[in-house]
């Protein structure tokens, strides 16, 4: 890893700025935390009212395993100065951001907003994606993902996606603006994820509206972190060919953060993804480590259940993914979730494999001592998809859920996290 301090200041001036920013982060965090009780109130807006949910069972299993994570939330809640990184990995249920935005917004309300986290220009790779940011480009990109490529090892990184162009003047501009609410969010740190091969163009990051250029602060083979000296709501990644050996620019993902303490909730999803697809992605676990995750949540299983998956193979795939992640992020805690019930892809038949897949996930979590959120059981278990559907919580394909359905799942998950945290906070008093 190389550390850059390239601000247009003298060395003493750069160091003063560095320490001032560090002090400001701690100071703002403390101000955010003043007068807040340690425990977090679950309000009516956080609750759901559907009779088929087993609300009394909506809790994290083996929540004590998460004590180091809860401790960090506790410190942030009462003192500030903590940055808590959560990485939520999954399939199309996670990709759309409907579930995760509910959790992200509520956790950031309770513990502080440290940034949007991971984003990717999914449309340029031929995929749908979240609606809370906009992407523009002047170039033609080609892209794919770890589910489409079936090789034993695939060249994908942190997003499970990758895009590439040979355009010498390629620019990619992203704006944090929720298309539903027109709300704009600011950031100061941009981390660009690439796996450099020696043929990659150099890049620079700037805000074309203000003319402000971000300064490269940290760089290694897998990512570069850039900092703006004042908050921006948009940034452009621009290609720069500096040598004859450089042939292209490749992008694996972008993470956006700000200077505040609090929660960064990174969501990473791929349509059709299975556990093994992330195992096959060569750079995935290594680049996830760049996010310094405190908690990694893994939510797959729906696609494995669309066919007959041998439980032994499924268990091995889950464990392989966890081992890859922990190899590079040894301090990260692991939480597994079971998928809510759904139909087969024909949209008419109950899926008999959902129970077996959920049982396998459940048993692995219990055997290994990981945290578990058992959504399949909480939402009614076998054949409960009919309840989701009759309540208007499923989409027309009967495999995915409606926006309201995903929001319900997000609220349920948030409730379970806060119940676990509140029990921890109460025991501290």
Protein backbone atom coordinates (compact mmCIF):
# COMPACT_ATOMS: atom_id res chain seq x y z
CA UNK A 1 0.00 0.00 0.00
CA UNK A 2 1.22 3.48 -0.85
CA UNK A 3 0.22 6.59 1.11
CA UNK A 4 -0.09 9.85 -0.80
CA UNK A 5 -0.25 13.37 0.56
CA UNK A 6 -0.46 15.40 -2.62
CA UNK A 7 -2.40 18.42 -1.46
CA UNK A 8 -1.00 21.69 -2.83
CA UNK A 9 0.47 22.58 0.56
CA UNK A 10 3.84 22.33 2.21
CA UNK A 11 4.50 19.14 4.18
CA UNK A 12 3.77 20.85 7.55
CA UNK A 13 0.61 22.30 6.05
CA UNK A 14 -0.53 18.89 4.82
CA UNK A 15 0.07 17.34 8.22
CA UNK A 16 -1.84 20.13 9.96
CA UNK A 17 -4.76 19.54 7.58
CA UNK A 18 -4.64 15.78 8.23
CA UNK A 19 -4.76 16.22 12.00
CA UNK A 20 -7.43 18.90 11.74
CA UNK A 21 -9.64 16.54 9.72
CA UNK A 22 -9.08 13.76 12.25
CA UNK A 23 -9.95 16.09 15.13
CA UNK A 24 -13.00 17.38 13.27
CA UNK A 25 -14.28 13.83 12.75
CA UNK A 26 -14.02 13.09 16.47
CA UNK A 27 -15.52 16.45 17.44
CA UNK A 28 -18.50 16.13 15.10
CA UNK A 29 -19.05 12.56 16.28
CA UNK A 30 -19.15 13.71 19.88
CA UNK A 31 -21.60 16.47 19.02
CA UNK A 32 -23.80 13.94 17.20
CA UNK A 33 -23.86 11.73 20.29
CA UNK A 34 -24.62 14.34 22.94
CA UNK A 35 -27.78 13.77 24.97
CA UNK A 36 -28.66 10.46 23.29
CA UNK A 37 -29.61 7.55 25.56
CA UNK A 38 -27.62 4.37 24.95
CA UNK A 39 -30.68 2.40 23.87
CA UNK A 40 -32.53 3.03 20.60
CA UNK A 41 -36.30 3.40 20.51
CA UNK A 42 -38.17 1.28 17.97
CA UNK A 43 -40.85 3.67 16.72
CA UNK A 44 -44.14 2.94 14.91
CA UNK A 45 -42.48 3.80 11.58
CA UNK A 46 -40.06 0.91 12.19
CA UNK A 47 -42.79 -1.68 12.70
CA UNK A 48 -44.93 -3.78 10.37
CA UNK A 49 -48.50 -5.01 10.82
CA UNK A 50 -49.06 -8.23 8.92
CA UNK A 51 -50.61 -11.07 10.88
CA UNK A 52 -48.60 -13.91 9.35
CA UNK A 53 -45.25 -12.69 10.72
CA UNK A 54 -43.99 -14.32 13.91
CA UNK A 55 -43.04 -11.02 15.48
CA UNK A 56 -42.00 -12.54 18.80
CA UNK A 57 -39.39 -14.63 16.96
CA UNK A 58 -37.93 -11.65 15.10
CA UNK A 59 -34.52 -11.53 16.72
CA UNK A 60 -30.92 -12.32 15.90
CA UNK A 61 -29.97 -15.84 16.89
CA UNK A 62 -26.67 -16.06 18.79
CA UNK A 63 -26.71 -12.28 19.26
CA UNK A 64 -23.94 -12.56 21.86
CA UNK A 65 -21.53 -13.34 19.02
CA UNK A 66 -22.14 -9.77 17.82
CA UNK A 67 -21.03 -8.15 21.10
CA UNK A 68 -17.89 -6.56 19.54
CA UNK A 69 -20.11 -5.02 16.85
CA UNK A 70 -22.67 -3.86 19.42
CA UNK A 71 -19.85 -2.43 21.54
CA UNK A 72 -18.76 -0.24 18.65
CA UNK A 73 -22.33 0.93 18.09
CA UNK A 74 -22.61 1.63 21.83
CA UNK A 75 -19.43 3.72 21.83
CA UNK A 76 -20.70 5.67 18.83
CA UNK A 77 -24.09 6.19 20.43
CA UNK A 78 -22.77 7.62 23.70
CA UNK A 79 -19.43 9.20 22.72
CA UNK A 80 -19.14 9.37 18.93
CA UNK A 81 -15.91 9.06 17.00
CA UNK A 82 -16.59 5.54 15.67
CA UNK A 83 -16.93 4.50 12.04
CA UNK A 84 -18.92 1.27 11.74
CA UNK A 85 -18.66 -0.58 8.42
CA UNK A 86 -21.38 -3.08 7.48
CA UNK A 87 -21.20 -5.09 4.24
CA UNK A 88 -24.40 -6.81 3.08
CA UNK A 89 -23.86 -9.34 0.28
CA UNK A 90 -26.61 -11.05 -1.67
CA UNK A 91 -28.57 -11.67 -4.83
CA UNK A 92 -31.26 -9.62 -6.59
CA UNK A 93 -33.09 -9.12 -3.28
CA UNK A 94 -30.10 -7.03 -2.17
CA UNK A 95 -29.17 -5.51 -5.56
CA UNK A 96 -32.27 -3.31 -5.81
CA UNK A 97 -31.47 -1.58 -2.47
CA UNK A 98 -35.14 -1.55 -1.43
CA UNK A 99 -34.44 -3.74 1.62
CA UNK A 100 -31.03 -2.33 2.49
CA UNK A 101 -32.01 1.33 2.19
CA UNK A 102 -34.56 0.80 4.99
CA UNK A 103 -31.88 -0.66 7.24
CA UNK A 104 -29.25 1.90 6.22
CA UNK A 105 -31.50 4.91 6.82
CA UNK A 106 -32.61 3.72 10.24
CA UNK A 107 -29.16 2.71 11.47
CA UNK A 108 -27.76 6.04 10.31
CA UNK A 109 -30.57 7.91 12.06
CA UNK A 110 -29.72 6.06 15.26
CA UNK A 111 -25.93 6.02 15.10
CA UNK A 112 -24.83 8.66 12.59
CA UNK A 113 -24.47 8.86 8.83
CA UNK A 114 -20.92 8.15 7.64
CA UNK A 115 -21.79 7.85 3.96
CA UNK A 116 -23.71 6.03 1.23
CA UNK A 117 -21.17 3.23 0.81
CA UNK A 118 -20.79 1.05 -2.29
CA UNK A 119 -22.25 2.08 -5.65
CA UNK A 120 -21.79 0.80 -9.20
CA UNK A 121 -22.99 1.90 -12.67
CA UNK A 122 -25.11 -1.23 -13.11
CA UNK A 123 -26.90 0.03 -16.22
CA UNK A 124 -23.58 0.11 -18.09
CA UNK A 125 -23.19 -3.60 -17.31
CA UNK A 126 -26.73 -4.40 -18.50
CA UNK A 127 -28.36 -4.66 -15.08
CA UNK A 128 -30.90 -2.89 -12.93
CA UNK A 129 -29.68 -1.21 -9.77
CA UNK A 130 -30.49 1.22 -6.94
CA UNK A 131 -32.36 4.48 -7.57
CA UNK A 132 -30.64 6.75 -5.06
CA UNK A 133 -27.84 7.86 -7.38
CA UNK A 134 -27.48 8.84 -11.04
CA UNK A 135 -24.67 7.87 -13.43
CA UNK A 136 -23.63 9.56 -16.69
CA UNK A 137 -20.81 8.75 -19.10
CA UNK A 138 -19.36 9.90 -22.41
CA UNK A 139 -18.01 6.45 -23.33
CA UNK A 140 -19.21 3.04 -24.41
CA UNK A 141 -18.49 0.42 -21.75
CA UNK A 142 -18.73 -3.34 -21.82
CA UNK A 143 -19.52 -5.21 -18.64
CA UNK A 144 -20.58 -8.43 -17.01
CA UNK A 145 -20.90 -10.05 -13.60
CA UNK A 146 -19.85 -13.08 -11.62
CA UNK A 147 -23.13 -14.90 -12.21
CA UNK A 148 -23.04 -14.68 -16.01
CA UNK A 149 -19.47 -15.97 -16.43
CA UNK A 150 -19.27 -19.67 -15.59
CA UNK A 151 -15.50 -20.19 -15.38
CA UNK A 152 -14.08 -21.86 -12.27
CA UNK A 153 -12.44 -18.51 -11.44
CA UNK A 154 -13.81 -15.21 -12.72
CA UNK A 155 -12.12 -11.77 -12.91
CA UNK A 156 -14.63 -9.91 -10.74
CA UNK A 157 -14.15 -7.85 -7.63
CA UNK A 158 -16.10 -6.12 -4.92
CA UNK A 159 -19.37 -5.48 -6.76
CA UNK A 160 -19.52 -8.85 -8.44
CA UNK A 161 -19.63 -6.68 -11.59
CA UNK A 162 -16.99 -5.09 -13.79
CA UNK A 163 -17.09 -2.61 -16.68
CA UNK A 164 -14.32 -1.71 -19.12
CA UNK A 165 -13.63 0.75 -21.92
CA UNK A 166 -10.72 1.61 -24.22
CA UNK A 167 -11.93 5.20 -24.68
CA UNK A 168 -8.95 7.48 -23.98
CA UNK A 169 -11.20 10.28 -22.72
CA UNK A 170 -13.66 8.18 -20.75
CA UNK A 171 -15.51 9.93 -17.94
CA UNK A 172 -17.97 8.50 -15.46
CA UNK A 173 -19.98 10.97 -13.37
CA UNK A 174 -22.13 9.91 -10.43
CA UNK A 175 -24.53 12.01 -8.36
CA UNK A 176 -25.99 11.04 -5.00
CA UNK A 177 -29.56 12.03 -5.66
CA UNK A 178 -32.56 9.92 -4.79
CA UNK A 179 -34.76 9.93 -7.89
CA UNK A 180 -37.87 9.38 -5.75
CA UNK A 181 -37.32 12.22 -3.27
CA UNK A 182 -34.77 14.43 -5.11
CA UNK A 183 -32.79 14.43 -1.85
CA UNK A 184 -29.08 15.13 -2.37
CA UNK A 185 -26.35 13.65 -0.17
CA UNK A 186 -22.76 14.82 0.13
CA UNK A 187 -19.49 12.95 0.44
CA UNK A 188 -15.79 13.76 0.78
CA UNK A 189 -14.09 10.40 0.21
CA UNK A 190 -14.21 8.40 -3.03
CA UNK A 191 -12.66 4.93 -3.14
CA UNK A 192 -12.27 3.53 -6.66
CA UNK A 193 -11.89 -0.25 -6.88
CA UNK A 194 -9.80 -1.76 -9.68
CA UNK A 195 -7.57 -4.80 -9.97
CA UNK A 196 -4.59 -3.34 -11.77
CA UNK A 197 -2.85 -5.43 -14.41
CA UNK A 198 -0.30 -2.97 -15.80
CA UNK A 199 -2.55 -2.16 -18.75
CA UNK A 200 -4.93 0.15 -16.91
CA UNK A 201 -5.18 3.87 -17.63
CA UNK A 202 -4.48 6.15 -14.72
CA UNK A 203 -7.52 7.95 -13.34
CA UNK A 204 -8.33 11.19 -11.58
CA UNK A 205 -11.38 12.15 -9.54
CA UNK A 206 -12.90 15.63 -9.66
CA UNK A 207 -16.06 17.65 -9.19
CA UNK A 208 -16.63 19.36 -12.52
CA UNK A 209 -19.28 21.70 -11.09
CA UNK A 210 -16.91 23.36 -8.62
CA UNK A 211 -13.65 22.57 -10.41
CA UNK A 212 -12.42 20.86 -7.26
CA UNK A 213 -10.00 17.98 -7.81
CA UNK A 214 -9.82 15.21 -5.23
CA UNK A 215 -6.39 14.28 -3.94
CA UNK A 216 -5.12 10.71 -4.02
CA UNK A 217 -4.42 9.70 -0.45
CA UNK A 218 -4.06 5.91 -0.37
CA UNK A 219 -3.38 3.48 -3.23
CA UNK A 220 -2.70 -0.22 -3.60
CA UNK A 221 -3.21 -2.83 -6.32
CA UNK A 222 -6.93 -3.09 -5.63
CA UNK A 223 -8.17 0.41 -4.81
CA UNK A 224 -7.39 4.11 -4.65
CA UNK A 225 -8.89 6.49 -2.09
CA UNK A 226 -9.40 10.14 -3.01
CA UNK A 227 -10.41 13.02 -0.74
CA UNK A 228 -12.17 16.30 -1.49
CA UNK A 229 -11.34 19.16 0.87
CA UNK A 230 -15.03 20.11 1.07
CA UNK A 231 -18.23 18.06 0.62
CA UNK A 232 -19.56 17.41 -2.87
CA UNK A 233 -22.72 15.72 -4.15
CA UNK A 234 -21.23 14.51 -7.42
CA UNK A 235 -17.86 13.41 -8.77
CA UNK A 236 -16.32 12.35 -12.06
CA UNK A 237 -13.83 9.55 -12.57
CA UNK A 238 -11.72 10.49 -15.61
CA UNK A 239 -9.32 8.24 -17.53
CA UNK A 240 -5.76 9.44 -18.25
CA UNK A 241 -3.47 7.50 -20.58
CA UNK A 242 0.11 8.21 -19.54
CA UNK A 243 2.09 5.36 -21.16
CA UNK A 244 1.95 3.37 -24.37
CA UNK A 245 1.41 0.17 -22.36
CA UNK A 246 -1.92 1.42 -21.01
CA UNK A 247 -4.81 0.01 -23.04
CA UNK A 248 -8.04 0.42 -21.06
CA UNK A 249 -9.75 1.42 -17.83
CA UNK A 250 -11.63 -1.14 -15.75
CA UNK A 251 -13.94 -0.41 -12.83
CA UNK A 252 -14.96 -2.88 -10.12
CA UNK A 253 -16.87 -0.47 -7.89
CA UNK A 254 -16.92 2.83 -6.01
CA UNK A 255 -17.45 3.58 -2.32
CA UNK A 256 -18.60 6.99 -1.07
CA UNK A 257 -18.09 8.20 2.50
CA UNK A 258 -18.02 11.48 4.39
CA UNK A 259 -15.96 12.91 7.25
CA UNK A 260 -18.53 12.10 9.93
CA UNK A 261 -18.55 9.23 12.38
CA UNK A 262 -21.38 6.71 12.23
CA UNK A 263 -22.53 3.83 10.05
CA UNK A 264 -21.55 3.05 6.47
CA UNK A 265 -23.87 0.35 5.11
CA UNK A 266 -22.48 -1.18 1.92
CA UNK A 267 -24.92 -3.29 -0.11
CA UNK A 268 -23.56 -5.64 -2.79
CA UNK A 269 -25.97 -7.67 -4.91
CA UNK A 270 -25.96 -9.57 -8.21
CA UNK A 271 -29.04 -10.82 -10.06
CA UNK A 272 -29.24 -14.62 -9.98
CA UNK A 273 -26.22 -14.92 -7.69
CA UNK A 274 -25.45 -17.97 -5.59
CA UNK A 275 -22.88 -18.28 -2.81
CA UNK A 276 -20.47 -20.02 -5.16
CA UNK A 277 -20.53 -17.13 -7.64
CA UNK A 278 -18.87 -14.89 -5.07
CA UNK A 279 -16.37 -17.65 -4.24
CA UNK A 280 -15.40 -17.86 -7.92
CA UNK A 281 -14.90 -14.07 -8.16
CA UNK A 282 -11.12 -13.80 -7.84
CA UNK A 283 -10.86 -10.31 -6.32
CA UNK A 284 -14.12 -10.18 -4.39
CA UNK A 285 -12.99 -11.05 -0.86
CA UNK A 286 -9.74 -9.13 -1.23
CA UNK A 287 -11.49 -5.92 -2.22
CA UNK A 288 -14.22 -6.30 0.41
CA UNK A 289 -11.38 -6.13 2.94
CA UNK A 290 -10.68 -2.55 1.77
CA UNK A 291 -14.01 -1.57 3.38
CA UNK A 292 -12.69 -2.69 6.81
CA UNK A 293 -15.98 -4.46 7.61
CA UNK A 294 -17.08 -4.85 11.22
CA UNK A 295 -20.01 -7.03 10.16
CA UNK A 296 -20.56 -9.02 6.96
CA UNK A 297 -24.15 -10.10 6.29
CA UNK A 298 -24.70 -12.79 3.63
CA UNK A 299 -28.19 -13.14 2.13
CA UNK A 300 -28.30 -15.76 -0.60
CA UNK A 301 -30.23 -19.01 -1.07
CA UNK A 302 -33.18 -18.08 -3.28
CA UNK A 303 -31.37 -19.03 -6.50
CA UNK A 304 -29.97 -22.24 -5.03
CA UNK A 305 -33.57 -23.15 -4.17
CA UNK A 306 -34.74 -22.72 -7.78
CA UNK A 307 -33.15 -26.09 -8.50
CA UNK A 308 -32.26 -29.13 -6.45
CA UNK A 309 -29.10 -28.23 -4.53
CA UNK A 310 -27.38 -30.94 -2.55
CA UNK A 311 -27.18 -29.76 1.10
CA UNK A 312 -23.56 -30.88 1.43
CA UNK A 313 -22.56 -28.85 -1.65
CA UNK A 314 -24.55 -25.82 -0.44
CA UNK A 315 -22.97 -25.97 3.00
CA UNK A 316 -19.50 -26.19 1.47
CA UNK A 317 -20.22 -23.21 -0.81
CA UNK A 318 -21.36 -21.06 2.10
CA UNK A 319 -18.38 -22.02 4.22
CA UNK A 320 -15.97 -21.43 1.31
CA UNK A 321 -17.30 -17.90 0.90
CA UNK A 322 -17.04 -17.17 4.61
CA UNK A 323 -13.48 -18.52 4.74
CA UNK A 324 -12.46 -16.36 1.77
CA UNK A 325 -13.94 -13.29 3.41
CA UNK A 326 -12.38 -13.99 6.80
CA UNK A 327 -8.99 -14.70 5.24
CA UNK A 328 -8.82 -11.06 4.17
CA UNK A 329 -11.08 -9.56 6.87
CA UNK A 330 -10.20 -11.59 9.98
CA UNK A 331 -11.88 -9.15 12.37
CA UNK A 332 -15.21 -9.14 10.55
CA UNK A 333 -18.15 -10.86 12.22
CA UNK A 334 -20.44 -13.00 10.05
CA UNK A 335 -24.23 -13.06 9.94
CA UNK A 336 -26.20 -15.44 7.73
CA UNK A 337 -29.83 -14.89 6.77
CA UNK A 338 -32.38 -17.34 5.42
CA UNK A 339 -34.50 -16.25 2.43
CA UNK A 340 -38.20 -15.55 2.73
CA UNK A 341 -40.40 -18.13 1.05
CA UNK A 342 -41.15 -17.75 -2.66
CA UNK A 343 -42.51 -19.70 -5.60
CA UNK A 344 -40.74 -21.54 -8.39
CA UNK A 345 -39.97 -19.40 -11.42
CA UNK A 346 -43.21 -20.47 -13.12
CA UNK A 347 -44.95 -18.28 -10.52
CA UNK A 348 -47.62 -20.90 -9.79
CA UNK A 349 -46.00 -23.71 -7.79
CA UNK A 350 -44.74 -23.60 -4.23
CA UNK A 351 -40.99 -24.07 -4.05
CA UNK A 352 -40.29 -27.30 -2.15
CA UNK A 353 -36.55 -26.52 -1.99
CA UNK A 354 -36.86 -23.38 0.16
CA UNK A 355 -37.19 -25.36 3.38
CA UNK A 356 -34.10 -27.49 2.68
CA UNK A 357 -31.98 -24.48 1.69
CA UNK A 358 -33.08 -22.56 4.79
CA UNK A 359 -32.41 -25.59 6.99
CA UNK A 360 -28.87 -25.86 5.59
CA UNK A 361 -28.13 -22.17 6.21
CA UNK A 362 -29.65 -22.39 9.68
CA UNK A 363 -27.68 -25.49 10.66
CA UNK A 364 -24.37 -24.10 9.40
CA UNK A 365 -24.84 -20.86 11.35
CA UNK A 366 -25.62 -22.78 14.52
CA UNK A 367 -22.81 -25.30 14.07
CA UNK A 368 -20.19 -22.59 13.44
CA UNK A 369 -21.49 -20.06 15.95
CA UNK A 370 -22.31 -17.30 13.44
CA UNK A 371 -25.16 -14.86 13.96
CA UNK A 372 -28.39 -15.81 12.16
CA UNK A 373 -31.46 -13.87 11.07
CA UNK A 374 -34.04 -16.52 10.18
CA UNK A 375 -36.35 -14.58 7.86
CA UNK A 376 -37.79 -17.81 6.42
CA UNK A 377 -39.08 -18.88 9.82
CA UNK A 378 -40.00 -15.38 11.04
CA UNK A 379 -42.23 -14.82 7.99
CA UNK A 380 -44.13 -18.08 8.30
CA UNK A 381 -41.87 -20.82 6.98
CA UNK A 382 -42.98 -23.43 4.45
CA UNK A 383 -45.51 -22.23 1.84
CA UNK A 384 -45.75 -18.79 3.46
CA UNK A 385 -45.22 -17.27 0.00
CA UNK A 386 -49.00 -17.36 -0.39
CA UNK A 387 -49.26 -14.92 2.54
CA UNK A 388 -46.69 -12.59 1.00
CA UNK A 389 -48.59 -12.73 -2.28
CA UNK A 390 -52.10 -12.27 -0.89
CA UNK A 391 -50.87 -9.29 1.15
CA UNK A 392 -49.55 -7.55 -1.97
CA UNK A 393 -45.94 -7.98 -0.89
CA UNK A 394 -44.70 -10.01 -3.89
CA UNK A 395 -43.97 -8.93 -7.45
CA UNK A 396 -45.74 -10.46 -10.43
CA UNK A 397 -43.07 -13.15 -10.91
CA UNK A 398 -43.74 -14.53 -7.39
CA UNK A 399 -39.99 -14.93 -6.79
CA UNK A 400 -39.19 -11.33 -5.98
CA UNK A 401 -41.07 -8.98 -3.69
CA UNK A 402 -42.77 -5.65 -4.22
CA UNK A 403 -41.14 -2.43 -3.06
CA UNK A 404 -43.39 -2.56 -0.02
CA UNK A 405 -42.43 -6.20 0.53
CA UNK A 406 -38.74 -5.36 0.55
CA UNK A 407 -39.38 -2.38 2.83
CA UNK A 408 -41.17 -4.73 5.24
CA UNK A 409 -38.16 -7.08 5.21
CA UNK A 410 -35.84 -4.14 5.85
CA UNK A 411 -37.89 -2.97 8.82
CA UNK A 412 -38.00 -6.49 10.26
CA UNK A 413 -34.24 -6.83 9.94
CA UNK A 414 -33.63 -3.44 11.52
CA UNK A 415 -35.91 -4.36 14.42
CA UNK A 416 -33.98 -7.59 15.02
CA UNK A 417 -30.65 -5.74 15.02
CA UNK A 418 -31.89 -3.09 17.43
CA UNK A 419 -33.41 -5.68 19.76
CA UNK A 420 -29.99 -7.32 19.97
CA UNK A 421 -28.22 -4.00 20.41
CA UNK A 422 -30.66 -2.77 23.07
CA UNK A 423 -30.20 -5.95 25.09
CA UNK A 424 -26.45 -5.38 24.93
CA UNK A 425 -26.79 -1.70 25.90
CA UNK A 426 -29.10 -2.55 28.80
CA UNK A 427 -26.59 -5.06 30.17
CA UNK A 428 -23.91 -2.32 30.07
CA UNK A 429 -25.91 -0.02 32.36
